[in-house]
Amino acid sequence: MNKEPFPVSFSILIREDDALFVAHCLELDIVATGPTLTEAKACIIDLIRAQLDYAFNNDNLDNLYHPAPREVWQEYYSCLHQEQERVRVSEEETLDRFVPPWIIANTCRAERKTVHG
């Protein structure tokens, strides 16, 4: 019997807008940016970790999930290139402090959009 807790799964949409990559976690409706795809992805994973840590350690799970707008979900599901990654969240687990040790990041890179202002 596997005693490891189930991972928590999140959907992440990454798009390139001009010279900036924008990563959007759809379940939490949080956004991170970076000059490269790798940096934007690392930033959104760090934000997800922080949100999980805060929610679990402050007994605030009722306010953890706040879905992104419908059009963002539609863009995510129309995306062609998707990948899944298992990411370590927390090394420590005690009786008085629990944060899920893993998340599954389901990442989709959207087609490039150019913003003209």
PDB file of N, CA and C in Angstrom:
ATOM      1  N   MET A   1       0.824  -1.187   0.000  1.00  0.00           N
ATOM      2  CA  MET A   1       0.000   0.000   0.000  1.00  0.00           C
ATOM      3  C   MET A   1       0.873   1.257   0.000  1.00  0.00           C
ATOM      4  N   ASN A   2       0.632   2.159  -0.911  1.00  0.00           N
ATOM      5  CA  ASN A   2       1.402   3.394  -1.037  1.00  0.00           C
ATOM      6  C   ASN A   2       0.916   4.405  -0.003  1.00  0.00           C
ATOM      7  N   LYS A   3       1.825   4.857   0.870  1.00  0.00           N
ATOM      8  CA  LYS A   3       1.447   5.789   1.925  1.00  0.00           C
ATOM      9  C   LYS A   3       1.718   7.233   1.549  1.00  0.00           C
ATOM     10  N   GLU A   4       2.292   7.484   0.394  1.00  0.00           N
ATOM     11  CA  GLU A   4       2.571   8.851  -0.032  1.00  0.00           C
ATOM     12  C   GLU A   4       1.266   9.549  -0.403  1.00  0.00           C
ATOM     13  N   PRO A   5       1.058  10.796   0.086  1.00  0.00           N
ATOM     14  CA  PRO A   5      -0.171  11.522  -0.246  1.00  0.00           C
ATOM     15  C   PRO A   5      -0.279  11.769  -1.753  1.00  0.00           C
ATOM     16  N   PHE A   6      -1.517  11.863  -2.207  1.00  0.00           N
ATOM     17  CA  PHE A   6      -1.742  12.165  -3.609  1.00  0.00           C
ATOM     18  C   PHE A   6      -1.244  13.569  -3.919  1.00  0.00           C
ATOM     19  N   PRO A   7      -0.680  13.764  -5.090  1.00  0.00           N
ATOM     20  CA  PRO A   7      -0.266  15.118  -5.462  1.00  0.00           C
ATOM     21  C   PRO A   7      -1.489  15.982  -5.791  1.00  0.00           C
ATOM     22  N   VAL A   8      -1.305  17.279  -5.699  1.00  0.00           N
ATOM     23  CA  VAL A   8      -2.333  18.244  -6.071  1.00  0.00           C
ATOM     24  C   VAL A   8      -2.021  18.677  -7.498  1.00  0.00           C
ATOM     25  N   SER A   9      -3.040  18.756  -8.339  1.00  0.00           N
ATOM     26  CA  SER A   9      -2.832  19.051  -9.756  1.00  0.00           C
ATOM     27  C   SER A   9      -3.259  20.478 -10.094  1.00  0.00           C
ATOM     28  N   PHE A  10      -2.439  21.160 -10.899  1.00  0.00           N
ATOM     29  CA  PHE A  10      -2.734  22.519 -11.340  1.00  0.00           C
ATOM     30  C   PHE A  10      -2.521  22.645 -12.843  1.00  0.00           C
ATOM     31  N   SER A  11      -3.359  23.452 -13.473  1.00  0.00           N
ATOM     32  CA  SER A  11      -3.260  23.734 -14.911  1.00  0.00           C
ATOM     33  C   SER A  11      -2.588  25.086 -15.086  1.00  0.00           C
ATOM     34  N   ILE A  12      -1.569  25.120 -15.940  1.00  0.00           N
ATOM     35  CA  ILE A  12      -0.802  26.350 -16.153  1.00  0.00           C
ATOM     36  C   ILE A  12      -0.777  26.663 -17.646  1.00  0.00           C
ATOM     37  N   LEU A  13      -1.213  27.844 -17.981  1.00  0.00           N
ATOM     38  CA  LEU A  13      -1.175  28.325 -19.357  1.00  0.00           C
ATOM     39  C   LEU A  13      -0.026  29.308 -19.470  1.00  0.00           C
ATOM     40  N   ILE A  14       0.872  29.068 -20.425  1.00  0.00           N
ATOM     41  CA  ILE A  14       1.987  29.992 -20.652  1.00  0.00           C
ATOM     42  C   ILE A  14       1.873  30.526 -22.067  1.00  0.00           C
ATOM     43  N   ARG A  15       1.937  31.850 -22.164  1.00  0.00           N
ATOM     44  CA  ARG A  15       1.906  32.476 -23.483  1.00  0.00           C
ATOM     45  C   ARG A  15       2.993  33.535 -23.545  1.00  0.00           C
ATOM     46  N   GLU A  16       3.423  33.811 -24.761  1.00  0.00           N
ATOM     47  CA  GLU A  16       4.431  34.843 -24.974  1.00  0.00           C
ATOM     48  C   GLU A  16       3.734  36.079 -25.508  1.00  0.00           C
ATOM     49  N   ASP A  17       3.895  37.182 -24.796  1.00  0.00           N
ATOM     50  CA  ASP A  17       3.351  38.466 -25.217  1.00  0.00           C
ATOM     51  C   ASP A  17       4.529  39.402 -25.438  1.00  0.00           C
ATOM     52  N   ASP A  18       4.810  39.687 -26.708  1.00  0.00           N
ATOM     53  CA  ASP A  18       5.990  40.463 -27.104  1.00  0.00           C
ATOM     54  C   ASP A  18       7.242  39.824 -26.507  1.00  0.00           C
ATOM     55  N   ALA A  19       7.974  40.511 -25.635  1.00  0.00           N
ATOM     56  CA  ALA A  19       9.242  39.976 -25.129  1.00  0.00           C
ATOM     57  C   ALA A  19       9.106  39.385 -23.732  1.00  0.00           C
ATOM     58  N   LEU A  20       7.874  39.075 -23.315  1.00  0.00           N
ATOM     59  CA  LEU A  20       7.639  38.599 -21.958  1.00  0.00           C
ATOM     60  C   LEU A  20       6.806  37.319 -21.985  1.00  0.00           C
ATOM     61  N   PHE A  21       7.156  36.367 -21.147  1.00  0.00           N
ATOM     62  CA  PHE A  21       6.367  35.143 -21.000  1.00  0.00           C
ATOM     63  C   PHE A  21       5.448  35.309 -19.791  1.00  0.00           C
ATOM     64  N   VAL A  22       4.186  34.954 -19.968  1.00  0.00           N
ATOM     65  CA  VAL A  22       3.174  35.090 -18.931  1.00  0.00           C
ATOM     66  C   VAL A  22       2.663  33.695 -18.587  1.00  0.00           C
ATOM     67  N   ALA A  23       2.765  33.317 -17.312  1.00  0.00           N
ATOM     68  CA  ALA A  23       2.299  32.014 -16.832  1.00  0.00           C
ATOM     69  C   ALA A  23       1.104  32.239 -15.919  1.00  0.00           C
ATOM     70  N   HIS A  24       0.011  31.514 -16.184  1.00  0.00           N
ATOM     71  CA  HIS A  24      -1.245  31.714 -15.459  1.00  0.00           C
ATOM     72  C   HIS A  24      -1.696  30.371 -14.888  1.00  0.00           C
ATOM     73  N   CYS A  25      -1.794  30.272 -13.564  1.00  0.00           N
ATOM     74  CA  CYS A  25      -2.322  29.068 -12.914  1.00  0.00           C
ATOM     75  C   CYS A  25      -3.833  29.206 -12.865  1.00  0.00           C
ATOM     76  N   LEU A  26      -4.539  28.327 -13.555  1.00  0.00           N
ATOM     77  CA  LEU A  26      -5.970  28.488 -13.752  1.00  0.00           C
ATOM     78  C   LEU A  26      -6.803  28.194 -12.509  1.00  0.00           C
ATOM     79  N   GLU A  27      -6.407  27.248 -11.692  1.00  0.00           N
ATOM     80  CA  GLU A  27      -7.188  26.922 -10.495  1.00  0.00           C
ATOM     81  C   GLU A  27      -7.086  28.007  -9.421  1.00  0.00           C
ATOM     82  N   LEU A  28      -5.951  28.701  -9.379  1.00  0.00           N
ATOM     83  CA  LEU A  28      -5.730  29.718  -8.349  1.00  0.00           C
ATOM     84  C   LEU A  28      -5.887  31.136  -8.884  1.00  0.00           C
ATOM     85  N   ASP A  29      -5.938  31.286 -10.213  1.00  0.00           N
ATOM     86  CA  ASP A  29      -6.022  32.583 -10.881  1.00  0.00           C
ATOM     87  C   ASP A  29      -4.901  33.512 -10.434  1.00  0.00           C
ATOM     88  N   ILE A  30      -3.671  32.973 -10.481  1.00  0.00           N
ATOM     89  CA  ILE A  30      -2.491  33.781 -10.194  1.00  0.00           C
ATOM     90  C   ILE A  30      -1.615  33.799 -11.435  1.00  0.00           C
ATOM     91  N   VAL A  31      -0.864  34.882 -11.596  1.00  0.00           N
ATOM     92  CA  VAL A  31      -0.065  35.097 -12.801  1.00  0.00           C
ATOM     93  C   VAL A  31       1.361  35.451 -12.408  1.00  0.00           C
ATOM     94  N   ALA A  32       2.314  34.918 -13.171  1.00  0.00           N
ATOM     95  CA  ALA A  32       3.725  35.267 -13.011  1.00  0.00           C
ATOM     96  C   ALA A  32       4.288  35.557 -14.394  1.00  0.00           C
ATOM     97  N   THR A  33       5.305  36.368 -14.437  1.00  0.00           N
ATOM     98  CA  THR A  33       5.947  36.692 -15.712  1.00  0.00           C
ATOM     99  C   THR A  33       7.449  36.468 -15.609  1.00  0.00           C
ATOM    100  N   GLY A  34       8.066  36.374 -16.772  1.00  0.00           N
ATOM    101  CA  GLY A  34       9.512  36.247 -16.827  1.00  0.00           C
ATOM    102  C   GLY A  34      10.011  36.523 -18.226  1.00  0.00           C
ATOM    103  N   PRO A  35      11.271  36.879 -18.347  1.00  0.00           N
ATOM    104  CA  PRO A  35      11.839  37.171 -19.664  1.00  0.00           C
ATOM    105  C   PRO A  35      12.036  35.919 -20.527  1.00  0.00           C
ATOM    106  N   THR A  36      12.037  34.744 -19.880  1.00  0.00           N
ATOM    107  CA  THR A  36      12.165  33.484 -20.617  1.00  0.00           C
ATOM    108  C   THR A  36      11.063  32.532 -20.180  1.00  0.00           C
ATOM    109  N   LEU A  37      10.813  31.538 -20.992  1.00  0.00           N
ATOM    110  CA  LEU A  37       9.827  30.506 -20.672  1.00  0.00           C
ATOM    111  C   LEU A  37      10.188  29.808 -19.359  1.00  0.00           C
ATOM    112  N   THR A  38      11.447  29.466 -19.200  1.00  0.00           N
ATOM    113  CA  THR A  38      11.919  28.771 -18.004  1.00  0.00           C
ATOM    114  C   THR A  38      11.700  29.609 -16.748  1.00  0.00           C
ATOM    115  N   GLU A  39      12.008  30.906 -16.834  1.00  0.00           N
ATOM    116  CA  GLU A  39      11.845  31.774 -15.663  1.00  0.00           C
ATOM    117  C   GLU A  39      10.377  31.995 -15.314  1.00  0.00           C
ATOM    118  N   ALA A  40       9.528  32.158 -16.316  1.00  0.00           N
ATOM    119  CA  ALA A  40       8.099  32.335 -16.049  1.00  0.00           C
ATOM    120  C   ALA A  40       7.524  31.079 -15.391  1.00  0.00           C
ATOM    121  N   LYS A  41       7.928  29.920 -15.883  1.00  0.00           N
ATOM    122  CA  LYS A  41       7.445  28.661 -15.313  1.00  0.00           C
ATOM    123  C   LYS A  41       7.933  28.490 -13.878  1.00  0.00           C
ATOM    124  N   ALA A  42       9.193  28.810 -13.620  1.00  0.00           N
ATOM    125  CA  ALA A  42       9.735  28.710 -12.261  1.00  0.00           C
ATOM    126  C   ALA A  42       9.016  29.673 -11.317  1.00  0.00           C
ATOM    127  N   CYS A  43       8.714  30.867 -11.796  1.00  0.00           N
ATOM    128  CA  CYS A  43       8.018  31.859 -10.960  1.00  0.00           C
ATOM    129  C   CYS A  43       6.597  31.412 -10.610  1.00  0.00           C
ATOM    130  N   ILE A  44       5.872  30.842 -11.569  1.00  0.00           N
ATOM    131  CA  ILE A  44       4.500  30.418 -11.268  1.00  0.00           C
ATOM    132  C   ILE A  44       4.507  29.220 -10.319  1.00  0.00           C
ATOM    133  N   ILE A  45       5.469  28.331 -10.457  1.00  0.00           N
ATOM    134  CA  ILE A  45       5.582  27.193  -9.530  1.00  0.00           C
ATOM    135  C   ILE A  45       5.874  27.706  -8.125  1.00  0.00           C
ATOM    136  N   ASP A  46       6.754  28.703  -8.003  1.00  0.00           N
ATOM    137  CA  ASP A  46       7.045  29.288  -6.691  1.00  0.00           C
ATOM    138  C   ASP A  46       5.801  29.932  -6.082  1.00  0.00           C
ATOM    139  N   LEU A  47       5.000  30.618  -6.909  1.00  0.00           N
ATOM    140  CA  LEU A  47       3.765  31.223  -6.409  1.00  0.00           C
ATOM    141  C   LEU A  47       2.757  30.166  -5.958  1.00  0.00           C
ATOM    142  N   ILE A  48       2.655  29.080  -6.713  1.00  0.00           N
ATOM    143  CA  ILE A  48       1.757  27.986  -6.326  1.00  0.00           C
ATOM    144  C   ILE A  48       2.198  27.404  -4.994  1.00  0.00           C
ATOM    145  N   ARG A  49       3.508  27.166  -4.841  1.00  0.00           N
ATOM    146  CA  ARG A  49       4.039  26.652  -3.575  1.00  0.00           C
ATOM    147  C   ARG A  49       3.678  27.587  -2.418  1.00  0.00           C
ATOM    148  N   ALA A  50       3.865  28.888  -2.628  1.00  0.00           N
ATOM    149  CA  ALA A  50       3.576  29.867  -1.576  1.00  0.00           C
ATOM    150  C   ALA A  50       2.091  29.866  -1.219  1.00  0.00           C
ATOM    151  N   GLN A  51       1.224  29.791  -2.230  1.00  0.00           N
ATOM    152  CA  GLN A  51      -0.222  29.761  -1.982  1.00  0.00           C
ATOM    153  C   GLN A  51      -0.607  28.514  -1.180  1.00  0.00           C
ATOM    154  N   LEU A  52      -0.070  27.363  -1.583  1.00  0.00           N
ATOM    155  CA  LEU A  52      -0.362  26.117  -0.864  1.00  0.00           C
ATOM    156  C   LEU A  52       0.134  26.178   0.572  1.00  0.00           C
ATOM    157  N   ASP A  53       1.356  26.627   0.748  1.00  0.00           N
ATOM    158  CA  ASP A  53       1.949  26.713   2.074  1.00  0.00           C
ATOM    159  C   ASP A  53       1.107  27.620   2.970  1.00  0.00           C
ATOM    160  N   TYR A  54       0.738  28.782   2.460  1.00  0.00           N
ATOM    161  CA  TYR A  54      -0.066  29.711   3.255  1.00  0.00           C
ATOM    162  C   TYR A  54      -1.436  29.116   3.594  1.00  0.00           C
ATOM    163  N   ALA A  55      -2.106  28.557   2.606  1.00  0.00           N
ATOM    164  CA  ALA A  55      -3.452  28.014   2.829  1.00  0.00           C
ATOM    165  C   ALA A  55      -3.444  26.874   3.847  1.00  0.00           C
ATOM    166  N   PHE A  56      -2.502  25.953   3.711  1.00  0.00           N
ATOM    167  CA  PHE A  56      -2.470  24.811   4.618  1.00  0.00           C
ATOM    168  C   PHE A  56      -2.020  25.206   6.020  1.00  0.00           C
ATOM    169  N   ASN A  57      -1.078  26.132   6.125  1.00  0.00           N
ATOM    170  CA  ASN A  57      -0.555  26.509   7.437  1.00  0.00           C
ATOM    171  C   ASN A  57      -1.409  27.525   8.175  1.00  0.00           C
ATOM    172  N   ASN A  58      -2.376  28.114   7.491  1.00  0.00           N
ATOM    173  CA  ASN A  58      -3.264  29.081   8.135  1.00  0.00           C
ATOM    174  C   ASN A  58      -4.719  28.620   8.106  1.00  0.00           C
ATOM    175  N   ASP A  59      -4.912  27.335   7.878  1.00  0.00           N
ATOM    176  CA  ASP A  59      -6.258  26.749   7.831  1.00  0.00           C
ATOM    177  C   ASP A  59      -7.191  27.599   6.966  1.00  0.00           C
ATOM    178  N   ASN A  60      -6.716  27.892   5.756  1.00  0.00           N
ATOM    179  CA  ASN A  60      -7.449  28.771   4.847  1.00  0.00           C
ATOM    180  C   ASN A  60      -7.733  28.066   3.518  1.00  0.00           C
ATOM    181  N   LEU A  61      -8.036  26.782   3.574  1.00  0.00           N
ATOM    182  CA  LEU A  61      -8.269  26.011   2.351  1.00  0.00           C
ATOM    183  C   LEU A  61      -9.528  26.445   1.613  1.00  0.00           C
ATOM    184  N   ASP A  62     -10.495  27.011   2.339  1.00  0.00           N
ATOM    185  CA  ASP A  62     -11.727  27.463   1.684  1.00  0.00           C
ATOM    186  C   ASP A  62     -11.461  28.558   0.662  1.00  0.00           C
ATOM    187  N   ASN A  63     -10.395  29.303   0.846  1.00  0.00           N
ATOM    188  CA  ASN A  63     -10.080  30.413  -0.057  1.00  0.00           C
ATOM    189  C   ASN A  63      -8.923  30.120  -1.006  1.00  0.00           C
ATOM    190  N   LEU A  64      -8.447  28.883  -1.033  1.00  0.00           N
ATOM    191  CA  LEU A  64      -7.307  28.546  -1.888  1.00  0.00           C
ATOM    192  C   LEU A  64      -7.675  28.603  -3.370  1.00  0.00           C
ATOM    193  N   TYR A  65      -8.750  27.949  -3.731  1.00  0.00           N
ATOM    194  CA  TYR A  65      -9.119  27.858  -5.142  1.00  0.00           C
ATOM    195  C   TYR A  65      -9.976  29.042  -5.566  1.00  0.00           C
ATOM    196  N   HIS A  66      -9.543  29.684  -6.614  1.00  0.00           N
ATOM    197  CA  HIS A  66     -10.272  30.809  -7.203  1.00  0.00           C
ATOM    198  C   HIS A  66     -10.033  30.711  -8.712  1.00  0.00           C
ATOM    199  N   PRO A  67     -10.957  30.097  -9.452  1.00  0.00           N
ATOM    200  CA  PRO A  67     -10.708  29.802 -10.869  1.00  0.00           C
ATOM    201  C   PRO A  67     -10.508  31.043 -11.744  1.00  0.00           C
ATOM    202  N   ALA A  68      -9.669  30.866 -12.731  1.00  0.00           N
ATOM    203  CA  ALA A  68      -9.436  31.905 -13.738  1.00  0.00           C
ATOM    204  C   ALA A  68     -10.703  32.100 -14.562  1.00  0.00           C
ATOM    205  N   PRO A  69     -10.800  33.220 -15.271  1.00  0.00           N
ATOM    206  CA  PRO A  69     -11.971  33.455 -16.127  1.00  0.00           C
ATOM    207  C   PRO A  69     -12.120  32.380 -17.212  1.00  0.00           C
ATOM    208  N   ARG A  70     -13.337  32.232 -17.654  1.00  0.00           N
ATOM    209  CA  ARG A  70     -13.707  31.209 -18.636  1.00  0.00           C
ATOM    210  C   ARG A  70     -12.838  31.247 -19.896  1.00  0.00           C
ATOM    211  N   GLU A  71     -12.560  32.440 -20.418  1.00  0.00           N
ATOM    212  CA  GLU A  71     -11.784  32.546 -21.661  1.00  0.00           C
ATOM    213  C   GLU A  71     -10.349  32.030 -21.499  1.00  0.00           C
ATOM    214  N   VAL A  72      -9.806  32.128 -20.297  1.00  0.00           N
ATOM    215  CA  VAL A  72      -8.460  31.592 -20.050  1.00  0.00           C
ATOM    216  C   VAL A  72      -8.510  30.067 -20.079  1.00  0.00           C
ATOM    217  N   TRP A  73      -9.551  29.484 -19.474  1.00  0.00           N
ATOM    218  CA  TRP A  73      -9.724  28.032 -19.528  1.00  0.00           C
ATOM    219  C   TRP A  73      -9.915  27.567 -20.974  1.00  0.00           C
ATOM    220  N   GLN A  74     -10.669  28.303 -21.753  1.00  0.00           N
ATOM    221  CA  GLN A  74     -10.874  27.934 -23.158  1.00  0.00           C
ATOM    222  C   GLN A  74      -9.559  27.957 -23.924  1.00  0.00           C
ATOM    223  N   GLU A  75      -8.741  28.965 -23.668  1.00  0.00           N
ATOM    224  CA  GLU A  75      -7.434  29.038 -24.332  1.00  0.00           C
ATOM    225  C   GLU A  75      -6.559  27.853 -23.910  1.00  0.00           C
ATOM    226  N   TYR A  76      -6.603  27.500 -22.627  1.00  0.00           N
ATOM    227  CA  TYR A  76      -5.823  26.363 -22.130  1.00  0.00           C
ATOM    228  C   TYR A  76      -6.236  25.070 -22.835  1.00  0.00           C
ATOM    229  N   TYR A  77      -7.541  24.827 -22.932  1.00  0.00           N
ATOM    230  CA  TYR A  77      -8.008  23.581 -23.526  1.00  0.00           C
ATOM    231  C   TYR A  77      -7.885  23.538 -25.043  1.00  0.00           C
ATOM    232  N   SER A  78      -7.669  24.681 -25.671  1.00  0.00           N
ATOM    233  CA  SER A  78      -7.446  24.675 -27.119  1.00  0.00           C
ATOM    234  C   SER A  78      -5.956  24.587 -27.456  1.00  0.00           C
ATOM    235  N   CYS A  79      -5.133  24.572 -26.459  1.00  0.00           N
ATOM    236  CA  CYS A  79      -3.688  24.532 -26.629  1.00  0.00           C
ATOM    237  C   CYS A  79      -3.240  23.160 -27.164  1.00  0.00           C
ATOM    238  N   LEU A  80      -2.272  23.177 -28.055  1.00  0.00           N
ATOM    239  CA  LEU A  80      -1.822  21.928 -28.675  1.00  0.00           C
ATOM    240  C   LEU A  80      -0.655  21.268 -27.953  1.00  0.00           C
ATOM    241  N   HIS A  81       0.255  22.069 -27.403  1.00  0.00           N
ATOM    242  CA  HIS A  81       1.456  21.512 -26.774  1.00  0.00           C
ATOM    243  C   HIS A  81       1.284  21.501 -25.254  1.00  0.00           C
ATOM    244  N   GLN A  82       1.049  20.305 -24.688  1.00  0.00           N
ATOM    245  CA  GLN A  82       0.885  20.186 -23.249  1.00  0.00           C
ATOM    246  C   GLN A  82       1.918  19.220 -22.689  1.00  0.00           C
ATOM    247  N   GLU A  83       2.357  19.504 -21.479  1.00  0.00           N
ATOM    248  CA  GLU A  83       3.290  18.608 -20.796  1.00  0.00           C
ATOM    249  C   GLU A  83       2.906  18.528 -19.328  1.00  0.00           C
ATOM    250  N   GLN A  84       3.307  17.445 -18.695  1.00  0.00           N
ATOM    251  CA  GLN A  84       3.001  17.241 -17.287  1.00  0.00           C
ATOM    252  C   GLN A  84       4.307  17.039 -16.535  1.00  0.00           C
ATOM    253  N   GLU A  85       4.413  17.685 -15.386  1.00  0.00           N
ATOM    254  CA  GLU A  85       5.628  17.613 -14.587  1.00  0.00           C
ATOM    255  C   GLU A  85       5.259  17.446 -13.121  1.00  0.00           C
ATOM    256  N   ARG A  86       5.960  16.572 -12.451  1.00  0.00           N
ATOM    257  CA  ARG A  86       5.768  16.371 -11.005  1.00  0.00           C
ATOM    258  C   ARG A  86       6.804  17.248 -10.299  1.00  0.00           C
ATOM    259  N   VAL A  87       6.315  18.138  -9.420  1.00  0.00           N
ATOM    260  CA  VAL A  87       7.178  19.134  -8.785  1.00  0.00           C
ATOM    261  C   VAL A  87       7.098  18.976  -7.270  1.00  0.00           C
ATOM    262  N   ARG A  88       8.244  18.953  -6.617  1.00  0.00           N
ATOM    263  CA  ARG A  88       8.314  18.844  -5.162  1.00  0.00           C
ATOM    264  C   ARG A  88       7.883  20.174  -4.549  1.00  0.00           C
ATOM    265  N   VAL A  89       6.979  20.123  -3.578  1.00  0.00           N
ATOM    266  CA  VAL A  89       6.503  21.330  -2.906  1.00  0.00           C
ATOM    267  C   VAL A  89       7.115  21.446  -1.524  1.00  0.00           C
ATOM    268  N   SER A  90       7.037  20.373  -0.758  1.00  0.00           N
ATOM    269  CA  SER A  90       7.446  20.434   0.641  1.00  0.00           C
ATOM    270  C   SER A  90       8.230  19.185   1.012  1.00  0.00           C
ATOM    271  N   GLU A  91       9.302  19.384   1.707  1.00  0.00           N
ATOM    272  CA  GLU A  91      10.108  18.259   2.197  1.00  0.00           C
ATOM    273  C   GLU A  91       9.630  17.813   3.573  1.00  0.00           C
ATOM    274  N   GLU A  92       9.031  18.741   4.292  1.00  0.00           N
ATOM    275  CA  GLU A  92       8.721  18.459   5.684  1.00  0.00           C
ATOM    276  C   GLU A  92       7.231  18.206   5.878  1.00  0.00           C
ATOM    277  N   GLU A  93       6.963  17.196   6.673  1.00  0.00           N
ATOM    278  CA  GLU A  93       5.567  16.850   6.978  1.00  0.00           C
ATOM    279  C   GLU A  93       5.525  16.400   8.429  1.00  0.00           C
ATOM    280  N   THR A  94       4.779  17.115   9.243  1.00  0.00           N
ATOM    281  CA  THR A  94       4.626  16.754  10.648  1.00  0.00           C
ATOM    282  C   THR A  94       3.141  16.717  10.968  1.00  0.00           C
ATOM    283  N   LEU A  95       2.823  16.291  12.172  1.00  0.00           N
ATOM    284  CA  LEU A  95       1.420  16.223  12.566  1.00  0.00           C
ATOM    285  C   LEU A  95       0.782  17.607  12.662  1.00  0.00           C
ATOM    286  N   ASP A  96       1.567  18.617  13.053  1.00  0.00           N
ATOM    287  CA  ASP A  96       0.995  19.953  13.207  1.00  0.00           C
ATOM    288  C   ASP A  96       1.162  20.814  11.954  1.00  0.00           C
ATOM    289  N   ARG A  97       1.884  20.332  10.956  1.00  0.00           N
ATOM    290  CA  ARG A  97       2.103  21.109   9.734  1.00  0.00           C
ATOM    291  C   ARG A  97       2.065  20.169   8.544  1.00  0.00           C
ATOM    292  N   PHE A  98       1.096  20.354   7.675  1.00  0.00           N
ATOM    293  CA  PHE A  98       1.012  19.518   6.486  1.00  0.00           C
ATOM    294  C   PHE A  98       0.807  20.389   5.261  1.00  0.00           C
ATOM    295  N   VAL A  99       1.665  20.211   4.298  1.00  0.00           N
ATOM    296  CA  VAL A  99       1.525  20.801   2.970  1.00  0.00           C
ATOM    297  C   VAL A  99       1.742  19.650   2.005  1.00  0.00           C
ATOM    298  N   PRO A 100       0.893  19.505   0.977  1.00  0.00           N
ATOM    299  CA  PRO A 100       1.111  18.401   0.028  1.00  0.00           C
ATOM    300  C   PRO A 100       2.552  18.419  -0.488  1.00  0.00           C
ATOM    301  N   PRO A 101       3.231  17.291  -0.466  1.00  0.00           N
ATOM    302  CA  PRO A 101       4.641  17.269  -0.855  1.00  0.00           C
ATOM    303  C   PRO A 101       4.872  17.434  -2.356  1.00  0.00           C
ATOM    304  N   TRP A 102       3.877  17.155  -3.167  1.00  0.00           N
ATOM    305  CA  TRP A 102       4.041  17.213  -4.617  1.00  0.00           C
ATOM    306  C   TRP A 102       2.880  17.949  -5.270  1.00  0.00           C
ATOM    307  N   ILE A 103       3.161  18.578  -6.401  1.00  0.00           N
ATOM    308  CA  ILE A 103       2.096  19.050  -7.277  1.00  0.00           C
ATOM    309  C   ILE A 103       2.355  18.485  -8.658  1.00  0.00           C
ATOM    310  N   ILE A 104       1.306  18.335  -9.405  1.00  0.00           N
ATOM    311  CA  ILE A 104       1.416  17.979 -10.814  1.00  0.00           C
ATOM    312  C   ILE A 104       1.116  19.261 -11.583  1.00  0.00           C
ATOM    313  N   ALA A 105       2.091  19.737 -12.316  1.00  0.00           N
ATOM    314  CA  ALA A 105       1.922  20.944 -13.122  1.00  0.00           C
ATOM    315  C   ALA A 105       1.604  20.523 -14.551  1.00  0.00           C
ATOM    316  N   ASN A 106       0.369  20.721 -14.960  1.00  0.00           N
ATOM    317  CA  ASN A 106      -0.067  20.444 -16.327  1.00  0.00           C
ATOM    318  C   ASN A 106       0.081  21.754 -17.098  1.00  0.00           C
ATOM    319  N   THR A 107       1.154  21.845 -17.853  1.00  0.00           N
ATOM    320  CA  THR A 107       1.506  23.100 -18.504  1.00  0.00           C
ATOM    321  C   THR A 107       1.193  23.051 -19.984  1.00  0.00           C
ATOM    322  N   CYS A 108       0.627  24.143 -20.478  1.00  0.00           N
ATOM    323  CA  CYS A 108       0.313  24.274 -21.883  1.00  0.00           C
ATOM    324  C   CYS A 108       0.915  25.575 -22.387  1.00  0.00           C
ATOM    325  N   ARG A 109       1.667  25.500 -23.448  1.00  0.00           N
ATOM    326  CA  ARG A 109       2.241  26.701 -24.047  1.00  0.00           C
ATOM    327  C   ARG A 109       1.373  27.121 -25.216  1.00  0.00           C
ATOM    328  N   ALA A 110       0.735  28.273 -25.078  1.00  0.00           N
ATOM    329  CA  ALA A 110      -0.165  28.789 -26.101  1.00  0.00           C
ATOM    330  C   ALA A 110       0.628  29.354 -27.266  1.00  0.00           C
ATOM    331  N   GLU A 111      -0.062  29.497 -28.376  1.00  0.00           N
ATOM    332  CA  GLU A 111       0.550  30.122 -29.548  1.00  0.00           C
ATOM    333  C   GLU A 111       0.949  31.556 -29.212  1.00  0.00           C
ATOM    334  N   ARG A 112       1.980  32.011 -29.861  1.00  0.00           N
ATOM    335  CA  ARG A 112       2.477  33.372 -29.623  1.00  0.00           C
ATOM    336  C   ARG A 112       1.437  34.406 -30.041  1.00  0.00           C
ATOM    337  N   LYS A 113       1.246  35.393 -29.161  1.00  0.00           N
ATOM    338  CA  LYS A 113       0.379  36.524 -29.445  1.00  0.00           C
ATOM    339  C   LYS A 113       1.218  37.788 -29.361  1.00  0.00           C
ATOM    340  N   THR A 114       1.050  38.653 -30.265  1.00  0.00           N
ATOM    341  CA  THR A 114       1.777  39.922 -30.221  1.00  0.00           C
ATOM    342  C   THR A 114       0.802  41.008 -29.816  1.00  0.00           C
ATOM    343  N   VAL A 115       1.185  41.771 -28.816  1.00  0.00           N
ATOM    344  CA  VAL A 115       0.350  42.861 -28.327  1.00  0.00           C
ATOM    345  C   VAL A 115       0.865  44.162 -28.913  1.00  0.00           C
ATOM    346  N   HIS A 116       0.003  44.902 -29.538  1.00  0.00           N
ATOM    347  CA  HIS A 116       0.363  46.209 -30.103  1.00  0.00           C
ATOM    348  C   HIS A 116      -0.368  47.279 -29.324  1.00  0.00           C
ATOM    349  N   GLY A 117       0.342  48.318 -28.902  1.00  0.00           N
ATOM    350  CA  GLY A 117      -0.308  49.332 -28.103  1.00  0.00           C
ATOM    351  C   GLY A 117      -0.310  50.597 -28.758  1.00  0.00           C
TER     352      GLY A 117
END
